[in-house]
Amino acid sequence: MVGIDIESATRFKNWSEQNLNRVFSKTEICYAKKFKNFYEHLAGFYCVKEALVKALNNKTLKFNEIEVLHTQTGKPYVSLNQQIKSQLSLSNFNEIEISISHSQGFAVAVVLLNKTKEK
């Protein structure tokens, strides 16, 4: 399954601290603050969350239960709560791959859910 989303970074510029904390984890906010284009990074994280909702076809997922983290080499990955992991398992998905890109005030993300191969 595939999900994709695109967002304008300006969407997040007027968000209150409370709204940011409702959608993004402290780790995500701290990571984004390291960069000059802070809002583009937040938009990228938001895109991942929205793309995952689309890929799973589950609008009941809460964005604060999906966290975008990074490996030591900078590759982004998704950290999920147990409920979402269970849903993936029931659907035979065993891997989530993500890609995030941002440029000139926009961010885009693609989420690919890979199914367990039957033997």
C-alpha atoms as a PDB file:
ATOM      1  CA  MET A   1       0.000   0.000   0.000  1.00  0.00           C
ATOM      2  CA  VAL A   2       1.136   3.536  -0.715  1.00  0.00           C
ATOM      3  CA  GLY A   3       0.241   6.895   0.796  1.00  0.00           C
ATOM      4  CA  ILE A   4       1.429  10.350  -0.255  1.00  0.00           C
ATOM      5  CA  ASP A   5       0.847  13.867   1.030  1.00  0.00           C
ATOM      6  CA  ILE A   6       2.083  17.389   0.302  1.00  0.00           C
ATOM      7  CA  GLU A   7       1.798  20.418   2.587  1.00  0.00           C
ATOM      8  CA  SER A   8       2.816  24.059   2.624  1.00  0.00           C
ATOM      9  CA  ALA A   9       5.137  24.932   5.505  1.00  0.00           C
ATOM     10  CA  THR A  10       3.259  28.202   6.031  1.00  0.00           C
ATOM     11  CA  ARG A  11       0.330  26.158   7.324  1.00  0.00           C
ATOM     12  CA  PHE A  12       2.242  25.587  10.569  1.00  0.00           C
ATOM     13  CA  LYS A  13       3.668  29.097  11.121  1.00  0.00           C
ATOM     14  CA  ASN A  14       0.635  30.374  12.992  1.00  0.00           C
ATOM     15  CA  TRP A  15       0.029  27.275  15.055  1.00  0.00           C
ATOM     16  CA  SER A  16       0.170  27.766  18.806  1.00  0.00           C
ATOM     17  CA  GLU A  17       2.609  25.784  20.904  1.00  0.00           C
ATOM     18  CA  GLN A  18      -0.392  23.786  22.161  1.00  0.00           C
ATOM     19  CA  ASN A  19      -1.425  22.803  18.616  1.00  0.00           C
ATOM     20  CA  LEU A  20       2.132  21.851  17.704  1.00  0.00           C
ATOM     21  CA  ASN A  21       2.362  19.645  20.807  1.00  0.00           C
ATOM     22  CA  ARG A  22      -0.968  18.021  19.961  1.00  0.00           C
ATOM     23  CA  VAL A  23       0.327  16.823  16.580  1.00  0.00           C
ATOM     24  CA  PHE A  24       4.108  16.555  16.978  1.00  0.00           C
ATOM     25  CA  SER A  25       6.239  14.856  19.620  1.00  0.00           C
ATOM     26  CA  LYS A  26       8.843  16.789  21.591  1.00  0.00           C
ATOM     27  CA  THR A  27      11.490  14.818  19.720  1.00  0.00           C
ATOM     28  CA  GLU A  28      10.066  15.889  16.351  1.00  0.00           C
ATOM     29  CA  ILE A  29       9.903  19.550  17.400  1.00  0.00           C
ATOM     30  CA  CYS A  30      13.455  19.496  18.803  1.00  0.00           C
ATOM     31  CA  TYR A  31      14.749  17.884  15.624  1.00  0.00           C
ATOM     32  CA  ALA A  32      13.010  20.449  13.396  1.00  0.00           C
ATOM     33  CA  LYS A  33      14.319  23.363  15.489  1.00  0.00           C
ATOM     34  CA  LYS A  34      17.886  22.417  14.528  1.00  0.00           C
ATOM     35  CA  PHE A  35      17.216  23.658  11.013  1.00  0.00           C
ATOM     36  CA  LYS A  36      16.705  27.082   9.480  1.00  0.00           C
ATOM     37  CA  ASN A  37      13.645  25.751   7.621  1.00  0.00           C
ATOM     38  CA  PHE A  38      11.933  24.588  10.848  1.00  0.00           C
ATOM     39  CA  TYR A  39       8.417  24.707   9.414  1.00  0.00           C
ATOM     40  CA  GLU A  40       9.366  22.732   6.313  1.00  0.00           C
ATOM     41  CA  HIS A  41      10.580  19.918   8.567  1.00  0.00           C
ATOM     42  CA  LEU A  42       7.347  20.008  10.574  1.00  0.00           C
ATOM     43  CA  ALA A  43       5.398  19.939   7.316  1.00  0.00           C
ATOM     44  CA  GLY A  44       7.411  16.873   6.274  1.00  0.00           C
ATOM     45  CA  PHE A  45       6.573  15.087   9.521  1.00  0.00           C
ATOM     46  CA  TYR A  46       2.913  15.993   9.074  1.00  0.00           C
ATOM     47  CA  CYS A  47       3.006  14.623   5.529  1.00  0.00           C
ATOM     48  CA  VAL A  48       4.361  11.294   6.782  1.00  0.00           C
ATOM     49  CA  LYS A  49       1.533  11.032   9.321  1.00  0.00           C
ATOM     50  CA  GLU A  50      -1.119  11.910   6.730  1.00  0.00           C
ATOM     51  CA  ALA A  51       0.393   9.548   4.144  1.00  0.00           C
ATOM     52  CA  LEU A  52       0.378   6.703   6.692  1.00  0.00           C
ATOM     53  CA  VAL A  53      -3.302   7.348   7.442  1.00  0.00           C
ATOM     54  CA  LYS A  54      -3.994   7.184   3.702  1.00  0.00           C
ATOM     55  CA  ALA A  55      -1.932   4.016   3.187  1.00  0.00           C
ATOM     56  CA  LEU A  56      -3.736   2.256   6.039  1.00  0.00           C
ATOM     57  CA  ASN A  57      -7.101   3.735   5.034  1.00  0.00           C
ATOM     58  CA  ASN A  58      -7.723   4.518   8.693  1.00  0.00           C
ATOM     59  CA  LYS A  59      -8.828   8.069   9.502  1.00  0.00           C
ATOM     60  CA  THR A  60      -9.134   7.244  13.205  1.00  0.00           C
ATOM     61  CA  LEU A  61      -5.353   7.259  13.720  1.00  0.00           C
ATOM     62  CA  LYS A  62      -4.125  10.074  15.940  1.00  0.00           C
ATOM     63  CA  PHE A  63      -1.145  11.982  14.631  1.00  0.00           C
ATOM     64  CA  ASN A  64       0.462  12.190  18.073  1.00  0.00           C
ATOM     65  CA  GLU A  65       0.619   8.365  18.064  1.00  0.00           C
ATOM     66  CA  ILE A  66       2.829   8.421  14.960  1.00  0.00           C
ATOM     67  CA  GLU A  67       6.357   9.702  15.446  1.00  0.00           C
ATOM     68  CA  VAL A  68       8.972  10.398  12.791  1.00  0.00           C
ATOM     69  CA  LEU A  69      12.490   9.687  14.034  1.00  0.00           C
ATOM     70  CA  HIS A  70      15.883   9.462  12.332  1.00  0.00           C
ATOM     71  CA  THR A  71      18.682   6.932  12.302  1.00  0.00           C
ATOM     72  CA  GLN A  72      22.230   8.032  13.080  1.00  0.00           C
ATOM     73  CA  THR A  73      22.767   8.486   9.354  1.00  0.00           C
ATOM     74  CA  GLY A  74      19.710  10.753   9.101  1.00  0.00           C
ATOM     75  CA  LYS A  75      17.315   8.317   7.422  1.00  0.00           C
ATOM     76  CA  PRO A  76      13.756   8.941   8.641  1.00  0.00           C
ATOM     77  CA  TYR A  77      11.620   6.148  10.013  1.00  0.00           C
ATOM     78  CA  VAL A  78       8.269   5.845  11.759  1.00  0.00           C
ATOM     79  CA  SER A  79       7.771   4.892  15.392  1.00  0.00           C
ATOM     80  CA  LEU A  80       4.247   3.650  16.145  1.00  0.00           C
ATOM     81  CA  ASN A  81       2.197   2.896  19.206  1.00  0.00           C
ATOM     82  CA  GLN A  82       1.042  -0.668  19.905  1.00  0.00           C
ATOM     83  CA  GLN A  83      -2.460  -0.170  18.430  1.00  0.00           C
ATOM     84  CA  ILE A  84      -1.084   0.875  15.047  1.00  0.00           C
ATOM     85  CA  LYS A  85       1.504  -1.931  15.120  1.00  0.00           C
ATOM     86  CA  SER A  86      -1.335  -4.401  15.731  1.00  0.00           C
ATOM     87  CA  GLN A  87      -3.288  -3.022  12.774  1.00  0.00           C
ATOM     88  CA  LEU A  88      -0.229  -3.415  10.543  1.00  0.00           C
ATOM     89  CA  SER A  89       0.279  -6.970  11.738  1.00  0.00           C
ATOM     90  CA  LEU A  90      -3.364  -7.903  11.138  1.00  0.00           C
ATOM     91  CA  SER A  91      -3.007  -6.585   7.597  1.00  0.00           C
ATOM     92  CA  ASN A  92       0.200  -8.624   7.136  1.00  0.00           C
ATOM     93  CA  PHE A  93       2.330  -5.510   6.747  1.00  0.00           C
ATOM     94  CA  ASN A  94       5.765  -5.987   8.235  1.00  0.00           C
ATOM     95  CA  GLU A  95       7.663  -2.922   7.081  1.00  0.00           C
ATOM     96  CA  ILE A  96       7.052   0.791   6.644  1.00  0.00           C
ATOM     97  CA  GLU A  97       9.301   2.743   4.327  1.00  0.00           C
ATOM     98  CA  ILE A  98       9.108   6.522   4.178  1.00  0.00           C
ATOM     99  CA  SER A  99      10.637   9.273   2.125  1.00  0.00           C
ATOM    100  CA  ILE A 100      10.394  12.979   2.942  1.00  0.00           C
ATOM    101  CA  SER A 101      11.420  15.901   0.775  1.00  0.00           C
ATOM    102  CA  HIS A 102      11.035  19.634   1.228  1.00  0.00           C
ATOM    103  CA  SER A 103      11.868  22.653  -0.864  1.00  0.00           C
ATOM    104  CA  GLN A 104      10.785  26.281  -1.241  1.00  0.00           C
ATOM    105  CA  GLY A 105       8.191  26.177   1.519  1.00  0.00           C
ATOM    106  CA  PHE A 106       6.638  22.814   0.663  1.00  0.00           C
ATOM    107  CA  ALA A 107       7.096  19.291   1.960  1.00  0.00           C
ATOM    108  CA  VAL A 108       6.065  15.957   0.523  1.00  0.00           C
ATOM    109  CA  ALA A 109       6.199  12.452   1.947  1.00  0.00           C
ATOM    110  CA  VAL A 110       5.589   8.981   0.607  1.00  0.00           C
ATOM    111  CA  VAL A 111       4.790   5.995   2.814  1.00  0.00           C
ATOM    112  CA  LEU A 112       5.132   2.463   1.485  1.00  0.00           C
ATOM    113  CA  LEU A 113       3.707  -0.454   3.470  1.00  0.00           C
ATOM    114  CA  ASN A 114       5.308  -3.760   2.571  1.00  0.00           C
ATOM    115  CA  LYS A 115       3.388  -6.998   3.085  1.00  0.00           C
ATOM    116  CA  THR A 116       4.791 -10.154   4.543  1.00  0.00           C
ATOM    117  CA  LYS A 117       5.596 -12.549   1.736  1.00  0.00           C
ATOM    118  CA  GLU A 118       3.739 -15.836   1.861  1.00  0.00           C
ATOM    119  CA  LYS A 119       5.903 -18.939   1.760  1.00  0.00           C
END
